[in-house]
Amino acid sequence: MGLGNLASMARIDHLTLAIAEDSFGDVLADVVKAVGDVDHVMVFAYSPRQTPRNVVNCGRIDGETARTAADRFCDYLYLLDPNYSELRLRPDDPAAWFDCERPELYCEEFRNAFFAPCHISDLTSFAVGQDGVIYYVLFLRTGGFRFAGSQRWLLKEVGEMISAHIRKHFSHLHAVAGREQFLVGRVMKESPVFATLTPREAAVCTGILTGHTSESMGINLGISINSVLTYRKRLYEKLSISSQNELFVTFINAMLALSRNDTRTGQGLTPLHREDNATPARDAMKEEALMAEGLLF
C-alpha cells in the first residue's frame, strides 16, 4: 500500500485540521482506530526534571477508569515501565518504537494497577520529541483482543505521519506541570476573556503566547502570513488591545483570575500528582530516578 493511500485510509487530513484544537486527542483516536483497530490512545509528556503528565487520554475505555490509570502511571507506574530507560535517551526523528509490546512483559504490579482495571489486552507504543519534551504514545487494545501483525505494521507505516502531527500540535501547547492541562490551552479555553475568539483566532493567539513567529504559525496552520496577520488583527480588536505586550498582560490577568477561582474551589491551575498509592519504596524509586544523571522525567 502506498503512503498516499495509507494517509487517505487513516484520514490524516482530519488530524491535520485538528492541530491546536481541543479535539486533537479524539481525532487521533479515530485515525488509529481506522488504521489498526486501536481502542484507546494515551500520550504522556516527559519533561526534564519532572514526572510525566497525561496529555491525551481518548478512546473506548471508560473516562474515570482511564483517568485513574493515567494518574497511577504519572504517580509511580512510569518507573516500572520496561520502556522507561529507553525513554530517558530522548529519541529524536524518526519516531522510536519499542519492542516491549505485550502486557505479559510488564511486571505484576503494573499489570494489576494499569492493564487490569482498563481491560487492556495488548499495546504498541512509540516516543517522539518536541521542544525538549518526549511524548510517549500508547496504542491500546481492550476486551481480550490482540493486534494482528498486519495492524502493527500499518500503525508503524503511518506512525511517522502521526508523530509529525503530534509534534506540530504540541508545539502550539507548551506543557507545564499538571496531569492533563496545558497552561496556555487551559486559560484560552476556560477564561471568558477569550470566549469570543474563533478557533483560528485562538490558534494564532496561542502561537503568539508560545513564542511563534507569524511565519511559523502560517506553516503550522497551513495558511499564509497575510492570513495570520489578519487573524492577529481581529483577535486584538476583540480583546480591545493594540500590541503583543498588551496581549501578554491580558493573558496573565486571565490566568491570575482563574488561579484565584481555583484556589477557592481547591482545584489549582497546576495540580500535583496524587500520592494515594505512595509508599516509602516508591518514594525511593522516584528519588533515585530524579537524581540519576541530573535528569528526570
Protein backbone atom coordinates (compact mmCIF):
# COMPACT_ATOMS: atom_id res chain seq x y z
CA MET A 1 0.00 0.00 0.00
CA GLY A 2 1.40 3.40 -0.97
CA LEU A 3 1.94 6.08 1.68
CA GLY A 4 -0.62 8.32 -0.02
CA ASN A 5 -3.28 5.60 0.04
CA LEU A 6 -2.44 4.84 3.67
CA ALA A 7 -2.77 8.51 4.61
CA SER A 8 -6.16 8.61 2.89
CA MET A 9 -7.34 5.49 4.69
CA ALA A 10 -6.17 6.93 8.01
CA ARG A 11 -7.93 10.24 7.37
CA ILE A 12 -4.73 12.09 8.17
CA ASP A 13 -6.30 15.27 6.77
CA HIS A 14 -8.72 15.22 9.73
CA LEU A 15 -5.77 15.09 12.11
CA THR A 16 -4.11 17.99 10.29
CA LEU A 17 -7.21 20.14 10.77
CA ALA A 18 -7.32 19.23 14.47
CA ILE A 19 -3.83 20.60 15.22
CA ALA A 20 -4.01 23.15 18.07
CA GLU A 21 -7.68 22.24 18.61
CA ASP A 22 -9.25 20.66 21.70
CA SER A 23 -10.47 17.82 19.50
CA PHE A 24 -6.94 16.64 18.62
CA GLY A 25 -6.96 13.66 21.00
CA ASP A 26 -10.36 12.42 19.84
CA VAL A 27 -9.36 12.75 16.19
CA LEU A 28 -6.07 10.94 16.86
CA ALA A 29 -8.05 8.08 18.44
CA ASP A 30 -10.32 7.93 15.36
CA VAL A 31 -7.33 7.88 12.99
CA VAL A 32 -5.55 4.98 14.69
CA LYS A 33 -8.83 3.12 15.08
CA ALA A 34 -9.21 3.26 11.29
CA VAL A 35 -5.63 2.10 10.70
CA GLY A 36 -5.01 -0.56 13.33
CA ASP A 37 -8.28 -1.05 15.24
CA VAL A 38 -6.80 0.77 18.27
CA ASP A 39 -9.34 1.01 21.08
CA HIS A 40 -7.72 3.75 23.17
CA VAL A 41 -4.82 6.21 22.98
CA MET A 42 -2.82 7.62 25.87
CA VAL A 43 0.02 10.10 25.48
CA PHE A 44 2.36 11.02 28.33
CA ALA A 45 4.70 14.03 28.23
CA TYR A 46 8.14 13.66 29.81
CA SER A 47 9.95 16.92 30.56
CA PRO A 48 13.39 17.34 32.15
CA ARG A 49 13.29 17.09 35.96
CA GLN A 50 9.53 16.41 36.01
CA THR A 51 7.38 13.34 36.39
CA PRO A 52 5.27 12.52 33.30
CA ARG A 53 1.95 14.20 32.56
CA ASN A 54 -1.01 12.65 30.77
CA VAL A 55 -1.82 14.91 27.81
CA VAL A 56 -4.07 12.68 25.67
CA ASN A 57 -6.49 10.07 27.02
CA CYS A 58 -9.13 9.22 24.41
CA GLY A 59 -11.00 6.21 23.12
CA ARG A 60 -13.25 3.44 24.34
CA ILE A 61 -12.07 2.98 27.94
CA ASP A 62 -14.45 4.50 30.48
CA GLY A 63 -13.37 8.06 31.27
CA GLU A 64 -12.98 7.73 35.02
CA THR A 65 -11.21 4.37 34.72
CA ALA A 66 -8.82 5.77 32.09
CA ARG A 67 -8.07 8.86 34.19
CA THR A 68 -7.36 6.76 37.28
CA ALA A 69 -4.98 4.52 35.33
CA ALA A 70 -3.21 7.54 33.85
CA ASP A 71 -2.88 9.11 37.32
CA ARG A 72 -1.27 5.93 38.60
CA PHE A 73 1.13 5.90 35.68
CA CYS A 74 2.15 9.51 36.33
CA ASP A 75 2.45 8.89 40.07
CA TYR A 76 4.69 5.81 40.11
CA LEU A 77 3.99 3.23 37.40
CA TYR A 78 6.19 5.03 34.87
CA LEU A 79 9.16 3.84 36.93
CA LEU A 80 8.02 0.23 36.39
CA ASP A 81 7.57 0.62 32.64
CA PRO A 82 10.16 -1.58 30.85
CA ASN A 83 10.49 1.15 28.20
CA TYR A 84 11.43 3.80 30.76
CA SER A 85 15.21 3.51 30.37
CA GLU A 86 14.91 3.95 26.60
CA LEU A 87 12.62 6.94 27.04
CA ARG A 88 15.36 8.67 29.01
CA LEU A 89 17.55 8.59 25.90
CA ARG A 90 15.28 11.30 24.44
CA PRO A 91 14.63 9.83 20.99
CA ASP A 92 14.63 12.15 18.01
CA ASP A 93 13.34 11.67 14.46
CA PRO A 94 12.11 9.25 13.34
CA ALA A 95 9.60 8.04 15.91
CA ALA A 96 11.20 5.45 18.20
CA TRP A 97 9.07 2.31 18.52
CA PHE A 98 9.50 -0.01 21.49
CA ASP A 99 9.87 -3.77 21.48
CA CYS A 100 8.06 -4.38 24.78
CA GLU A 101 4.58 -4.69 23.28
CA ARG A 102 2.78 -7.34 25.31
CA PRO A 103 1.12 -6.81 28.72
CA GLU A 104 2.64 -10.04 29.99
CA LEU A 105 6.12 -8.49 29.57
CA TYR A 106 5.27 -5.94 32.28
CA CYS A 107 5.62 -6.65 35.99
CA GLU A 108 2.64 -7.88 38.00
CA GLU A 109 2.19 -4.60 39.87
CA PHE A 110 2.00 -2.67 36.58
CA ARG A 111 -0.45 -5.16 35.10
CA ASN A 112 -2.71 -5.07 38.15
CA ALA A 113 -2.72 -1.28 38.50
CA PHE A 114 -2.84 -0.23 34.84
CA PHE A 115 -3.83 -3.01 32.43
CA ALA A 116 -6.37 -4.93 34.52
CA PRO A 117 -8.73 -2.06 35.53
CA CYS A 118 -8.91 -0.88 31.89
CA HIS A 119 -9.20 -4.43 30.48
CA ILE A 120 -6.16 -3.73 28.29
CA SER A 121 -5.17 -6.87 26.42
CA ASP A 122 -2.48 -5.58 24.02
CA LEU A 123 -0.46 -2.48 23.20
CA THR A 124 2.13 -0.94 20.93
CA SER A 125 4.00 2.26 21.65
CA PHE A 126 6.46 4.84 20.37
CA ALA A 127 8.07 8.08 21.52
CA VAL A 128 8.78 11.35 19.75
CA GLY A 129 10.46 14.56 20.89
CA GLN A 130 9.30 18.16 20.55
CA ASP A 131 10.66 21.32 22.20
CA GLY A 132 12.66 19.33 24.77
CA VAL A 133 9.67 17.19 25.75
CA ILE A 134 9.34 13.46 24.97
CA TYR A 135 5.83 12.32 24.07
CA TYR A 136 5.25 8.65 24.88
CA VAL A 137 2.34 7.34 22.79
CA LEU A 138 0.46 4.17 23.80
CA PHE A 139 -1.94 2.48 21.35
CA LEU A 140 -4.11 0.08 23.37
CA ARG A 141 -6.44 -2.82 22.61
CA THR A 142 -9.06 -3.95 25.12
CA GLY A 143 -11.53 -6.74 25.80
CA GLY A 144 -9.19 -9.63 25.13
CA PHE A 145 -8.36 -8.57 21.57
CA ARG A 146 -4.79 -8.52 20.20
CA PHE A 147 -3.14 -6.55 17.42
CA ALA A 148 -2.60 -8.63 14.31
CA GLY A 149 0.85 -8.45 12.74
CA SER A 150 -0.60 -6.52 9.80
CA GLN A 151 -2.15 -3.96 12.15
CA ARG A 152 1.16 -3.37 13.91
CA TRP A 153 2.81 -2.96 10.51
CA LEU A 154 0.19 -0.44 9.36
CA LEU A 155 0.49 1.58 12.57
CA LYS A 156 4.26 1.77 12.16
CA GLU A 157 3.92 2.72 8.48
CA VAL A 158 1.63 5.63 9.31
CA GLY A 159 3.47 6.31 12.58
CA GLU A 160 5.86 8.90 11.17
CA MET A 161 2.96 10.94 9.81
CA ILE A 162 1.18 10.67 13.15
CA SER A 163 4.32 11.63 15.09
CA ALA A 164 4.79 14.70 12.86
CA HIS A 165 1.26 15.81 13.71
CA ILE A 166 1.86 15.21 17.41
CA ARG A 167 5.00 17.36 17.29
CA LYS A 168 3.18 20.10 15.44
CA HIS A 169 0.17 20.01 17.77
CA PHE A 170 2.22 20.24 20.93
CA SER A 171 4.43 22.96 19.50
CA HIS A 172 1.34 25.13 19.99
CA LEU A 173 0.74 23.92 23.52
CA HIS A 174 3.85 24.03 25.65
CA ALA A 175 3.40 21.67 28.57
CA VAL A 176 3.68 22.79 32.20
CA ALA A 177 3.25 20.81 35.41
CA GLY A 178 -0.15 19.22 35.69
CA ARG A 179 -1.71 15.88 34.83
CA GLU A 180 -3.87 16.83 31.88
CA GLN A 181 -3.68 20.55 31.32
CA PHE A 182 -1.53 22.97 29.40
CA LEU A 183 -1.34 26.44 30.89
CA VAL A 184 -1.97 28.39 27.70
CA GLY A 185 -4.57 25.95 26.44
CA ARG A 186 -6.48 25.92 29.69
CA VAL A 187 -6.55 29.70 30.09
CA MET A 188 -7.62 30.12 26.46
CA LYS A 189 -10.39 27.57 26.91
CA GLU A 190 -11.72 28.49 30.35
CA SER A 191 -11.28 32.25 30.65
CA PRO A 192 -14.27 34.30 29.46
CA VAL A 193 -11.76 36.88 28.22
CA PHE A 194 -11.02 34.70 25.16
CA ALA A 195 -14.52 33.28 24.68
CA THR A 196 -15.32 35.35 21.58
CA LEU A 197 -12.28 34.21 19.58
CA THR A 198 -12.83 31.88 16.64
CA PRO A 199 -10.77 28.64 16.53
CA ARG A 200 -8.31 30.19 14.04
CA GLU A 201 -8.01 33.40 16.10
CA ALA A 202 -7.43 31.28 19.22
CA ALA A 203 -4.75 29.23 17.41
CA VAL A 204 -2.92 32.41 16.37
CA CYS A 205 -3.28 33.80 19.89
CA THR A 206 -1.78 30.58 21.29
CA GLY A 207 1.04 30.81 18.78
CA ILE A 208 1.89 34.35 19.85
CA LEU A 209 1.79 33.42 23.53
CA THR A 210 4.09 30.43 22.98
CA GLY A 211 6.69 32.41 21.05
CA HIS A 212 5.95 31.51 17.43
CA THR A 213 6.62 33.91 14.59
CA SER A 214 3.98 34.76 12.02
CA GLU A 215 5.88 32.64 9.52
CA SER A 216 5.99 29.55 11.74
CA MET A 217 2.31 29.95 12.62
CA GLY A 218 1.48 30.13 8.94
CA ILE A 219 3.42 26.94 8.24
CA ASN A 220 1.92 25.06 11.19
CA LEU A 221 -1.64 26.17 10.44
CA GLY A 222 -1.32 25.79 6.68
CA ILE A 223 -2.23 29.41 5.96
CA SER A 224 -0.45 32.44 4.53
CA ILE A 225 1.38 35.03 6.61
CA ASN A 226 -1.23 37.58 5.49
CA SER A 227 -3.95 35.36 6.95
CA VAL A 228 -2.01 35.09 10.20
CA LEU A 229 -1.78 38.88 10.37
CA THR A 230 -5.50 39.18 9.64
CA TYR A 231 -6.37 36.81 12.48
CA ARG A 232 -3.97 38.69 14.75
CA LYS A 233 -5.69 41.98 13.94
CA ARG A 234 -9.13 40.51 14.57
CA LEU A 235 -8.20 38.98 17.92
CA TYR A 236 -6.57 42.23 19.02
CA GLU A 237 -9.80 44.06 18.16
CA LYS A 238 -11.91 41.57 20.09
CA LEU A 239 -9.63 41.85 23.13
CA SER A 240 -9.51 45.65 22.84
CA ILE A 241 -5.71 45.70 22.67
CA SER A 242 -3.21 47.00 20.13
CA SER A 243 0.09 45.24 20.86
CA GLN A 244 1.71 41.94 21.78
CA ASN A 245 2.72 43.32 25.16
CA GLU A 246 -0.92 44.06 25.92
CA LEU A 247 -1.82 40.51 24.88
CA PHE A 248 0.61 39.09 27.44
CA VAL A 249 -0.82 41.38 30.14
CA THR A 250 -4.34 40.27 29.20
CA PHE A 251 -3.30 36.61 29.36
CA ILE A 252 -1.56 36.99 32.73
CA ASN A 253 -4.61 38.75 34.20
CA ALA A 254 -6.88 35.99 32.88
CA MET A 255 -4.55 33.34 34.30
CA LEU A 256 -4.48 35.01 37.71
CA ALA A 257 -8.27 35.26 37.74
CA LEU A 258 -8.56 31.53 37.04
CA SER A 259 -5.93 30.79 39.66
CA ARG A 260 -7.83 32.78 42.30
CA ASN A 261 -11.02 30.94 41.38
CA ASP A 262 -9.24 27.57 41.54
CA THR A 263 -7.82 28.42 44.95
CA ARG A 264 -11.37 28.97 46.20
CA THR A 265 -12.57 25.67 44.70
CA GLY A 266 -9.44 23.74 45.69
CA GLN A 267 -8.54 22.70 42.14
CA GLY A 268 -5.49 24.74 41.24
CA LEU A 269 -4.07 25.58 37.82
CA THR A 270 -1.21 23.11 38.08
CA PRO A 271 -2.32 20.26 40.35
CA LEU A 272 0.31 17.99 41.80
CA HIS A 273 0.09 14.26 41.20
CA ARG A 274 -1.85 12.48 43.90
CA GLU A 275 0.08 10.38 46.37
CA ASP A 276 -2.76 7.93 47.12
CA ASN A 277 -0.51 4.99 46.22
CA ALA A 278 2.72 6.36 47.69
CA THR A 279 4.94 4.07 49.73
CA PRO A 280 8.48 4.52 51.05
CA ALA A 281 9.73 2.11 48.37
CA ARG A 282 8.06 4.09 45.60
CA ASP A 283 9.31 7.36 47.06
CA ALA A 284 12.83 5.92 47.00
CA MET A 285 12.35 4.88 43.36
CA LYS A 286 11.29 8.43 42.50
CA GLU A 287 14.24 9.95 44.32
CA GLU A 288 16.67 7.60 42.57
CA ALA A 289 15.20 8.46 39.17
CA LEU A 290 15.31 12.19 39.86
CA MET A 291 18.93 12.02 40.90
CA ALA A 292 20.18 9.83 38.08
CA GLU A 293 22.38 11.92 35.82
CA GLY A 294 20.57 15.06 36.98
CA LEU A 295 17.55 14.21 34.83
CA LEU A 296 14.12 13.37 35.21
CA PHE A 297 11.38 12.82 33.62
